[in-house]
Amino acid sequence: PTDIRANQATAFFTDKEVRKIDLNGNVDVYQKP
């Protein structure tokens, strides 16, 4: 699992699923154990 934080984000769908996320401003990504 992954937790992500940012000021702004745009999530893009392909085949009805989230495939890409553009993140802007204070991006913090934590891929968890």
PDB file of all heavy atoms in Angstrom:
ATOM      1  N   PRO A   1       0.838  -1.203   0.000  1.00  0.00           N
ATOM      2  CA  PRO A   1       0.000   0.000   0.000  1.00  0.00           C
ATOM      3  C   PRO A   1       0.868   1.247   0.000  1.00  0.00           C
ATOM      4  O   PRO A   1       2.017   1.219   0.447  1.00  0.00           O
ATOM      5  CB  PRO A   1      -0.791  -0.130   1.307  1.00  0.00           C
ATOM      6  CG  PRO A   1       0.090  -0.945   2.201  1.00  0.00           C
ATOM      7  CD  PRO A   1       0.819  -1.902   1.303  1.00  0.00           C
ATOM      8  N   THR A   2       0.309   2.349  -0.487  1.00  0.00           N
ATOM      9  CA  THR A   2       1.049   3.604  -0.566  1.00  0.00           C
ATOM     10  C   THR A   2       0.164   4.759  -0.119  1.00  0.00           C
ATOM     11  O   THR A   2      -0.994   4.856  -0.543  1.00  0.00           O
ATOM     12  CB  THR A   2       1.540   3.862  -1.999  1.00  0.00           C
ATOM     13  OG1 THR A   2       2.379   2.775  -2.419  1.00  0.00           O
ATOM     14  CG2 THR A   2       2.341   5.154  -2.081  1.00  0.00           C
ATOM     15  N   ASP A   3       0.725   5.641   0.705  1.00  0.00           N
ATOM     16  CA  ASP A   3       0.041   6.869   1.119  1.00  0.00           C
ATOM     17  C   ASP A   3       0.726   8.049   0.437  1.00  0.00           C
ATOM     18  O   ASP A   3       1.951   8.160   0.459  1.00  0.00           O
ATOM     19  CB  ASP A   3       0.114   7.064   2.635  1.00  0.00           C
ATOM     20  CG  ASP A   3      -0.663   5.988   3.393  1.00  0.00           C
ATOM     21  OD1 ASP A   3      -1.390   5.217   2.746  1.00  0.00           O
ATOM     22  OD2 ASP A   3      -0.536   5.946   4.636  1.00  0.00           O
ATOM     23  N   ILE A   4      -0.065   8.928  -0.157  1.00  0.00           N
ATOM     24  CA  ILE A   4       0.466  10.082  -0.890  1.00  0.00           C
ATOM     25  C   ILE A   4      -0.221  11.351  -0.392  1.00  0.00           C
ATOM     26  O   ILE A   4      -1.436  11.369  -0.189  1.00  0.00           O
ATOM     27  CB  ILE A   4       0.228   9.928  -2.406  1.00  0.00           C
ATOM     28  CG1 ILE A   4       0.891   8.648  -2.936  1.00  0.00           C
ATOM     29  CG2 ILE A   4       0.739  11.143  -3.165  1.00  0.00           C
ATOM     30  CD1 ILE A   4       0.543   8.338  -4.385  1.00  0.00           C
ATOM     31  N   ARG A   5       0.571  12.414  -0.234  1.00  0.00           N
ATOM     32  CA  ARG A   5       0.024  13.728   0.118  1.00  0.00           C
ATOM     33  C   ARG A   5       0.617  14.793  -0.792  1.00  0.00           C
ATOM     34  O   ARG A   5       1.768  14.699  -1.183  1.00  0.00           O
ATOM     35  CB  ARG A   5       0.306  14.053   1.586  1.00  0.00           C
ATOM     36  CG  ARG A   5      -0.549  13.252   2.551  1.00  0.00           C
ATOM     37  CD  ARG A   5      -0.172  13.494   4.002  1.00  0.00           C
ATOM     38  NE  ARG A   5      -1.117  12.868   4.905  1.00  0.00           N
ATOM     39  CZ  ARG A   5      -1.135  11.574   5.210  1.00  0.00           C
ATOM     40  NH1 ARG A   5      -0.224  10.773   4.682  1.00  0.00           N
ATOM     41  NH2 ARG A   5      -2.052  11.076   6.037  1.00  0.00           N
ATOM     42  N   ALA A   6      -0.198  15.790  -1.107  1.00  0.00           N
ATOM     43  CA  ALA A   6       0.260  16.889  -1.960  1.00  0.00           C
ATOM     44  C   ALA A   6      -0.728  18.040  -1.854  1.00  0.00           C
ATOM     45  O   ALA A   6      -1.847  17.878  -1.347  1.00  0.00           O
ATOM     46  CB  ALA A   6       0.386  16.422  -3.410  1.00  0.00           C
ATOM     47  N   ASN A   7      -0.304  19.211  -2.339  1.00  0.00           N
ATOM     48  CA  ASN A   7      -1.230  20.349  -2.365  1.00  0.00           C
ATOM     49  C   ASN A   7      -2.292  20.181  -3.446  1.00  0.00           C
ATOM     50  O   ASN A   7      -3.455  20.533  -3.250  1.00  0.00           O
ATOM     51  CB  ASN A   7      -0.463  21.645  -2.598  1.00  0.00           C
ATOM     52  CG  ASN A   7       0.463  21.994  -1.449  1.00  0.00           C
ATOM     53  OD1 ASN A   7       0.340  21.447  -0.353  1.00  0.00           O
ATOM     54  ND2 ASN A   7       1.404  22.902  -1.693  1.00  0.00           N
ATOM     55  N   GLN A   8      -1.854  19.662  -4.599  1.00  0.00           N
ATOM     56  CA  GLN A   8      -2.752  19.465  -5.733  1.00  0.00           C
ATOM     57  C   GLN A   8      -2.434  18.134  -6.403  1.00  0.00           C
ATOM     58  O   GLN A   8      -1.295  17.652  -6.348  1.00  0.00           O
ATOM     59  CB  GLN A   8      -2.604  20.592  -6.758  1.00  0.00           C
ATOM     60  CG  GLN A   8      -2.922  21.970  -6.232  1.00  0.00           C
ATOM     61  CD  GLN A   8      -2.631  23.050  -7.264  1.00  0.00           C
ATOM     62  OE1 GLN A   8      -1.706  22.921  -8.065  1.00  0.00           O
ATOM     63  NE2 GLN A   8      -3.426  24.107  -7.258  1.00  0.00           N
ATOM     64  N   ALA A   9      -3.438  17.560  -7.061  1.00  0.00           N
ATOM     65  CA  ALA A   9      -3.214  16.309  -7.791  1.00  0.00           C
ATOM     66  C   ALA A   9      -4.256  16.168  -8.895  1.00  0.00           C
ATOM     67  O   ALA A   9      -5.367  16.704  -8.795  1.00  0.00           O
ATOM     68  CB  ALA A   9      -3.286  15.113  -6.850  1.00  0.00           C
ATOM     69  N   THR A  10      -3.875  15.456  -9.946  1.00  0.00           N
ATOM     70  CA  THR A  10      -4.805  15.090 -11.014  1.00  0.00           C
ATOM     71  C   THR A  10      -4.669  13.590 -11.254  1.00  0.00           C
ATOM     72  O   THR A  10      -3.577  13.114 -11.591  1.00  0.00           O
ATOM     73  CB  THR A  10      -4.522  15.846 -12.322  1.00  0.00           C
ATOM     74  OG1 THR A  10      -4.604  17.258 -12.074  1.00  0.00           O
ATOM     75  CG2 THR A  10      -5.537  15.467 -13.392  1.00  0.00           C
ATOM     76  N   ALA A  11      -5.765  12.864 -11.060  1.00  0.00           N
ATOM     77  CA  ALA A  11      -5.771  11.418 -11.265  1.00  0.00           C
ATOM     78  C   ALA A  11      -6.388  11.119 -12.635  1.00  0.00           C
ATOM     79  O   ALA A  11      -7.489  11.582 -12.938  1.00  0.00           O
ATOM     80  CB  ALA A  11      -6.555  10.722 -10.162  1.00  0.00           C
ATOM     81  N   PHE A  12      -5.674  10.340 -13.451  1.00  0.00           N
ATOM     82  CA  PHE A  12      -6.117   9.992 -14.799  1.00  0.00           C
ATOM     83  C   PHE A  12      -6.580   8.535 -14.838  1.00  0.00           C
ATOM     84  O   PHE A  12      -5.920   7.648 -14.283  1.00  0.00           O
ATOM     85  CB  PHE A  12      -4.982  10.194 -15.807  1.00  0.00           C
ATOM     86  CG  PHE A  12      -4.515  11.617 -15.926  1.00  0.00           C
ATOM     87  CD1 PHE A  12      -3.525  12.112 -15.084  1.00  0.00           C
ATOM     88  CD2 PHE A  12      -5.082  12.462 -16.864  1.00  0.00           C
ATOM     89  CE1 PHE A  12      -3.091  13.421 -15.190  1.00  0.00           C
ATOM     90  CE2 PHE A  12      -4.642  13.783 -16.982  1.00  0.00           C
ATOM     91  CZ  PHE A  12      -3.652  14.261 -16.133  1.00  0.00           C
ATOM     92  N   PHE A  13      -7.698   8.305 -15.529  1.00  0.00           N
ATOM     93  CA  PHE A  13      -8.257   6.957 -15.638  1.00  0.00           C
ATOM     94  C   PHE A  13      -7.962   6.372 -17.021  1.00  0.00           C
ATOM     95  O   PHE A  13      -8.034   7.071 -18.029  1.00  0.00           O
ATOM     96  CB  PHE A  13      -9.775   6.992 -15.437  1.00  0.00           C
ATOM     97  CG  PHE A  13     -10.199   7.210 -14.015  1.00  0.00           C
ATOM     98  CD1 PHE A  13     -10.118   8.478 -13.444  1.00  0.00           C
ATOM     99  CD2 PHE A  13     -10.677   6.161 -13.242  1.00  0.00           C
ATOM    100  CE1 PHE A  13     -10.509   8.692 -12.135  1.00  0.00           C
ATOM    101  CE2 PHE A  13     -11.077   6.370 -11.934  1.00  0.00           C
ATOM    102  CZ  PHE A  13     -10.985   7.635 -11.375  1.00  0.00           C
ATOM    103  N   THR A  14      -7.660   5.099 -17.035  1.00  0.00           N
ATOM    104  CA  THR A  14      -7.562   4.328 -18.274  1.00  0.00           C
ATOM    105  C   THR A  14      -8.299   3.018 -18.035  1.00  0.00           C
ATOM    106  O   THR A  14      -8.038   2.329 -17.042  1.00  0.00           O
ATOM    107  CB  THR A  14      -6.101   4.038 -18.656  1.00  0.00           C
ATOM    108  OG1 THR A  14      -5.407   5.281 -18.814  1.00  0.00           O
ATOM    109  CG2 THR A  14      -6.034   3.256 -19.956  1.00  0.00           C
ATOM    110  N   ASP A  15      -9.223   2.674 -18.919  1.00  0.00           N
ATOM    111  CA  ASP A  15     -10.054   1.480 -18.732  1.00  0.00           C
ATOM    112  C   ASP A  15     -10.728   1.500 -17.360  1.00  0.00           C
ATOM    113  O   ASP A  15     -10.784   0.497 -16.637  1.00  0.00           O
ATOM    114  CB  ASP A  15      -9.219   0.195 -18.887  1.00  0.00           C
ATOM    115  CG  ASP A  15      -8.649   0.044 -20.287  1.00  0.00           C
ATOM    116  OD1 ASP A  15      -9.301   0.533 -21.239  1.00  0.00           O
ATOM    117  OD2 ASP A  15      -7.550  -0.525 -20.422  1.00  0.00           O
ATOM    118  N   LYS A  16     -11.221   2.682 -16.987  1.00  0.00           N
ATOM    119  CA  LYS A  16     -12.003   2.892 -15.761  1.00  0.00           C
ATOM    120  C   LYS A  16     -11.205   2.720 -14.474  1.00  0.00           C
ATOM    121  O   LYS A  16     -11.787   2.640 -13.394  1.00  0.00           O
ATOM    122  CB  LYS A  16     -13.225   1.943 -15.741  1.00  0.00           C
ATOM    123  CG  LYS A  16     -14.155   2.108 -16.933  1.00  0.00           C
ATOM    124  CD  LYS A  16     -15.309   1.126 -16.861  1.00  0.00           C
ATOM    125  CE  LYS A  16     -16.183   1.248 -18.093  1.00  0.00           C
ATOM    126  NZ  LYS A  16     -17.306   0.277 -18.072  1.00  0.00           N
ATOM    127  N   GLU A  17      -9.879   2.680 -14.558  1.00  0.00           N
ATOM    128  CA  GLU A  17      -9.057   2.563 -13.365  1.00  0.00           C
ATOM    129  C   GLU A  17      -8.035   3.693 -13.329  1.00  0.00           C
ATOM    130  O   GLU A  17      -7.578   4.171 -14.366  1.00  0.00           O
ATOM    131  CB  GLU A  17      -8.329   1.219 -13.328  1.00  0.00           C
ATOM    132  CG  GLU A  17      -9.239   0.020 -13.163  1.00  0.00           C
ATOM    133  CD  GLU A  17      -8.461  -1.280 -12.998  1.00  0.00           C
ATOM    134  OE1 GLU A  17      -7.271  -1.213 -12.644  1.00  0.00           O
ATOM    135  OE2 GLU A  17      -9.042  -2.350 -13.230  1.00  0.00           O
ATOM    136  N   VAL A  18      -7.672   4.134 -12.114  1.00  0.00           N
ATOM    137  CA  VAL A  18      -6.641   5.144 -11.952  1.00  0.00           C
ATOM    138  C   VAL A  18      -5.306   4.539 -12.373  1.00  0.00           C
ATOM    139  O   VAL A  18      -4.843   3.561 -11.802  1.00  0.00           O
ATOM    140  CB  VAL A  18      -6.563   5.634 -10.497  1.00  0.00           C
ATOM    141  CG1 VAL A  18      -5.388   6.604 -10.330  1.00  0.00           C
ATOM    142  CG2 VAL A  18      -7.864   6.304 -10.085  1.00  0.00           C
ATOM    143  N   ARG A  19      -4.668   5.149 -13.393  1.00  0.00           N
ATOM    144  CA  ARG A  19      -3.398   4.640 -13.910  1.00  0.00           C
ATOM    145  C   ARG A  19      -2.240   5.620 -13.711  1.00  0.00           C
ATOM    146  O   ARG A  19      -1.087   5.201 -13.645  1.00  0.00           O
ATOM    147  CB  ARG A  19      -3.529   4.332 -15.406  1.00  0.00           C
ATOM    148  CG  ARG A  19      -4.532   3.240 -15.731  1.00  0.00           C
ATOM    149  CD  ARG A  19      -4.095   1.899 -15.190  1.00  0.00           C
ATOM    150  NE  ARG A  19      -4.953   0.824 -15.663  1.00  0.00           N
ATOM    151  CZ  ARG A  19      -4.832  -0.454 -15.314  1.00  0.00           C
ATOM    152  NH1 ARG A  19      -3.880  -0.795 -14.454  1.00  0.00           N
ATOM    153  NH2 ARG A  19      -5.644  -1.362 -15.782  1.00  0.00           N
ATOM    154  N   LYS A  20      -2.556   6.918 -13.629  1.00  0.00           N
ATOM    155  CA  LYS A  20      -1.504   7.910 -13.464  1.00  0.00           C
ATOM    156  C   LYS A  20      -2.008   9.033 -12.582  1.00  0.00           C
ATOM    157  O   LYS A  20      -3.186   9.406 -12.631  1.00  0.00           O
ATOM    158  CB  LYS A  20      -1.067   8.481 -14.826  1.00  0.00           C
ATOM    159  CG  LYS A  20       0.149   9.398 -14.741  1.00  0.00           C
ATOM    160  CD  LYS A  20       0.563   9.915 -16.119  1.00  0.00           C
ATOM    161  CE  LYS A  20      -0.311  11.061 -16.570  1.00  0.00           C
ATOM    162  NZ  LYS A  20       0.252  11.785 -17.749  1.00  0.00           N
ATOM    163  N   ILE A  21      -1.097   9.566 -11.737  1.00  0.00           N
ATOM    164  CA  ILE A  21      -1.449  10.677 -10.861  1.00  0.00           C
ATOM    165  C   ILE A  21      -0.348  11.731 -10.947  1.00  0.00           C
ATOM    166  O   ILE A  21       0.819  11.446 -10.654  1.00  0.00           O
ATOM    167  CB  ILE A  21      -1.603  10.225  -9.403  1.00  0.00           C
ATOM    168  CG1 ILE A  21      -2.577   9.041  -9.282  1.00  0.00           C
ATOM    169  CG2 ILE A  21      -2.087  11.384  -8.539  1.00  0.00           C
ATOM    170  CD1 ILE A  21      -2.632   8.421  -7.909  1.00  0.00           C
ATOM    171  N   ASP A  22      -0.700  12.934 -11.375  1.00  0.00           N
ATOM    172  CA  ASP A  22       0.221  14.068 -11.363  1.00  0.00           C
ATOM    173  C   ASP A  22       0.079  14.779 -10.026  1.00  0.00           C
ATOM    174  O   ASP A  22      -1.040  15.126  -9.613  1.00  0.00           O
ATOM    175  CB  ASP A  22      -0.101  15.040 -12.502  1.00  0.00           C
ATOM    176  CG  ASP A  22       0.347  14.513 -13.859  1.00  0.00           C
ATOM    177  OD1 ASP A  22       1.015  13.462 -13.894  1.00  0.00           O
ATOM    178  OD2 ASP A  22       0.000  15.141 -14.880  1.00  0.00           O
ATOM    179  N   LEU A  23       1.217  15.041  -9.359  1.00  0.00           N
ATOM    180  CA  LEU A  23       1.212  15.615  -8.026  1.00  0.00           C
ATOM    181  C   LEU A  23       1.997  16.923  -8.011  1.00  0.00           C
ATOM    182  O   LEU A  23       3.071  17.014  -8.612  1.00  0.00           O
ATOM    183  CB  LEU A  23       1.819  14.634  -7.022  1.00  0.00           C
ATOM    184  CG  LEU A  23       1.124  13.250  -6.961  1.00  0.00           C
ATOM    185  CD1 LEU A  23       2.081  12.189  -6.485  1.00  0.00           C
ATOM    186  CD2 LEU A  23      -0.093  13.330  -6.067  1.00  0.00           C
ATOM    187  N   ASN A  24       1.489  17.935  -7.305  1.00  0.00           N
ATOM    188  CA  ASN A  24       2.150  19.232  -7.251  1.00  0.00           C
ATOM    189  C   ASN A  24       2.083  19.818  -5.847  1.00  0.00           C
ATOM    190  O   ASN A  24       1.032  19.803  -5.199  1.00  0.00           O
ATOM    191  CB  ASN A  24       1.484  20.223  -8.226  1.00  0.00           C
ATOM    192  CG  ASN A  24       1.882  19.974  -9.660  1.00  0.00           C
ATOM    193  OD1 ASN A  24       2.987  20.287 -10.086  1.00  0.00           O
ATOM    194  ND2 ASN A  24       0.966  19.365 -10.410  1.00  0.00           N
ATOM    195  N   GLY A  25       3.232  20.336  -5.389  1.00  0.00           N
ATOM    196  CA  GLY A  25       3.279  21.041  -4.131  1.00  0.00           C
ATOM    197  C   GLY A  25       3.396  20.151  -2.912  1.00  0.00           C
ATOM    198  O   GLY A  25       2.464  19.426  -2.581  1.00  0.00           O
ATOM    199  N   ASN A  26       4.566  20.184  -2.242  1.00  0.00           N
ATOM    200  CA  ASN A  26       4.775  19.418  -1.003  1.00  0.00           C
ATOM    201  C   ASN A  26       4.378  17.947  -1.141  1.00  0.00           C
ATOM    202  O   ASN A  26       3.612  17.411  -0.344  1.00  0.00           O
ATOM    203  CB  ASN A  26       3.990  20.054   0.146  1.00  0.00           C
ATOM    204  CG  ASN A  26       4.459  21.451   0.469  1.00  0.00           C
ATOM    205  OD1 ASN A  26       5.662  21.718   0.521  1.00  0.00           O
ATOM    206  ND2 ASN A  26       3.516  22.364   0.673  1.00  0.00           N
ATOM    207  N   VAL A  27       4.918  17.319  -2.158  1.00  0.00           N
ATOM    208  CA  VAL A  27       4.585  15.917  -2.431  1.00  0.00           C
ATOM    209  C   VAL A  27       5.303  15.012  -1.427  1.00  0.00           C
ATOM    210  O   VAL A  27       6.511  15.116  -1.218  1.00  0.00           O
ATOM    211  CB  VAL A  27       4.984  15.525  -3.865  1.00  0.00           C
ATOM    212  CG1 VAL A  27       4.659  14.057  -4.117  1.00  0.00           C
ATOM    213  CG2 VAL A  27       4.273  16.428  -4.870  1.00  0.00           C
ATOM    214  N   ASP A  28       4.543  14.143  -0.801  1.00  0.00           N
ATOM    215  CA  ASP A  28       5.078  13.207   0.193  1.00  0.00           C
ATOM    216  C   ASP A  28       4.518  11.821  -0.133  1.00  0.00           C
ATOM    217  O   ASP A  28       3.296  11.626  -0.105  1.00  0.00           O
ATOM    218  CB  ASP A  28       4.649  13.652   1.596  1.00  0.00           C
ATOM    219  CG  ASP A  28       5.352  12.874   2.697  1.00  0.00           C
ATOM    220  OD1 ASP A  28       5.811  11.757   2.428  1.00  0.00           O
ATOM    221  OD2 ASP A  28       5.421  13.381   3.828  1.00  0.00           O
ATOM    222  N   VAL A  29       5.407  10.874  -0.464  1.00  0.00           N
ATOM    223  CA  VAL A  29       4.983   9.531  -0.864  1.00  0.00           C
ATOM    224  C   VAL A  29       5.610   8.506   0.071  1.00  0.00           C
ATOM    225  O   VAL A  29       6.817   8.489   0.276  1.00  0.00           O
ATOM    226  CB  VAL A  29       5.380   9.225  -2.328  1.00  0.00           C
ATOM    227  CG1 VAL A  29       4.907   7.825  -2.724  1.00  0.00           C
ATOM    228  CG2 VAL A  29       4.794  10.277  -3.267  1.00  0.00           C
ATOM    229  N   TYR A  30       4.777   7.652   0.624  1.00  0.00           N
ATOM    230  CA  TYR A  30       5.235   6.622   1.567  1.00  0.00           C
ATOM    231  C   TYR A  30       4.697   5.263   1.118  1.00  0.00           C
ATOM    232  O   TYR A  30       3.519   4.975   1.243  1.00  0.00           O
ATOM    233  CB  TYR A  30       4.746   6.956   2.971  1.00  0.00           C
ATOM    234  CG  TYR A  30       5.079   5.933   4.033  1.00  0.00           C
ATOM    235  CD1 TYR A  30       6.217   5.130   3.964  1.00  0.00           C
ATOM    236  CD2 TYR A  30       4.242   5.779   5.147  1.00  0.00           C
ATOM    237  CE1 TYR A  30       6.514   4.207   4.962  1.00  0.00           C
ATOM    238  CE2 TYR A  30       4.526   4.856   6.148  1.00  0.00           C
ATOM    239  CZ  TYR A  30       5.665   4.070   6.049  1.00  0.00           C
ATOM    240  OH  TYR A  30       5.951   3.147   7.031  1.00  0.00           O
ATOM    241  N   GLN A  31       5.582   4.441   0.559  1.00  0.00           N
ATOM    242  CA  GLN A  31       5.216   3.069   0.203  1.00  0.00           C
ATOM    243  C   GLN A  31       5.460   2.212   1.446  1.00  0.00           C
ATOM    244  O   GLN A  31       6.584   2.063   1.902  1.00  0.00           O
ATOM    245  CB  GLN A  31       6.023   2.566  -0.981  1.00  0.00           C
ATOM    246  CG  GLN A  31       5.447   1.288  -1.596  1.00  0.00           C
ATOM    247  CD  GLN A  31       6.017   1.003  -2.980  1.00  0.00           C
ATOM    248  OE1 GLN A  31       7.186   1.255  -3.242  1.00  0.00           O
ATOM    249  NE2 GLN A  31       5.192   0.479  -3.874  1.00  0.00           N
ATOM    250  N   LYS A  32       4.391   1.658   1.978  1.00  0.00           N
ATOM    251  CA  LYS A  32       4.396   1.121   3.336  1.00  0.00           C
ATOM    252  C   LYS A  32       4.758  -0.371   3.378  1.00  0.00           C
ATOM    253  O   LYS A  32       4.491  -1.118   2.421  1.00  0.00           O
ATOM    254  CB  LYS A  32       3.022   1.339   3.969  1.00  0.00           C
ATOM    255  CG  LYS A  32       2.619   2.796   4.026  1.00  0.00           C
ATOM    256  CD  LYS A  32       1.128   2.988   4.244  1.00  0.00           C
ATOM    257  CE  LYS A  32       0.708   2.533   5.621  1.00  0.00           C
ATOM    258  NZ  LYS A  32      -0.725   2.819   5.855  1.00  0.00           N
ATOM    259  N   PRO A  33       5.323  -0.809   4.504  1.00  0.00           N
ATOM    260  CA  PRO A  33       5.595  -2.245   4.673  1.00  0.00           C
ATOM    261  C   PRO A  33       4.307  -3.004   4.984  1.00  0.00           C
ATOM    262  O   PRO A  33       3.306  -2.422   5.397  1.00  0.00           O
ATOM    263  CB  PRO A  33       6.548  -2.269   5.867  1.00  0.00           C
ATOM    264  CG  PRO A  33       6.173  -1.062   6.658  1.00  0.00           C
ATOM    265  CD  PRO A  33       5.779  -0.019   5.650  1.00  0.00           C
TER     266      PRO A  33
END
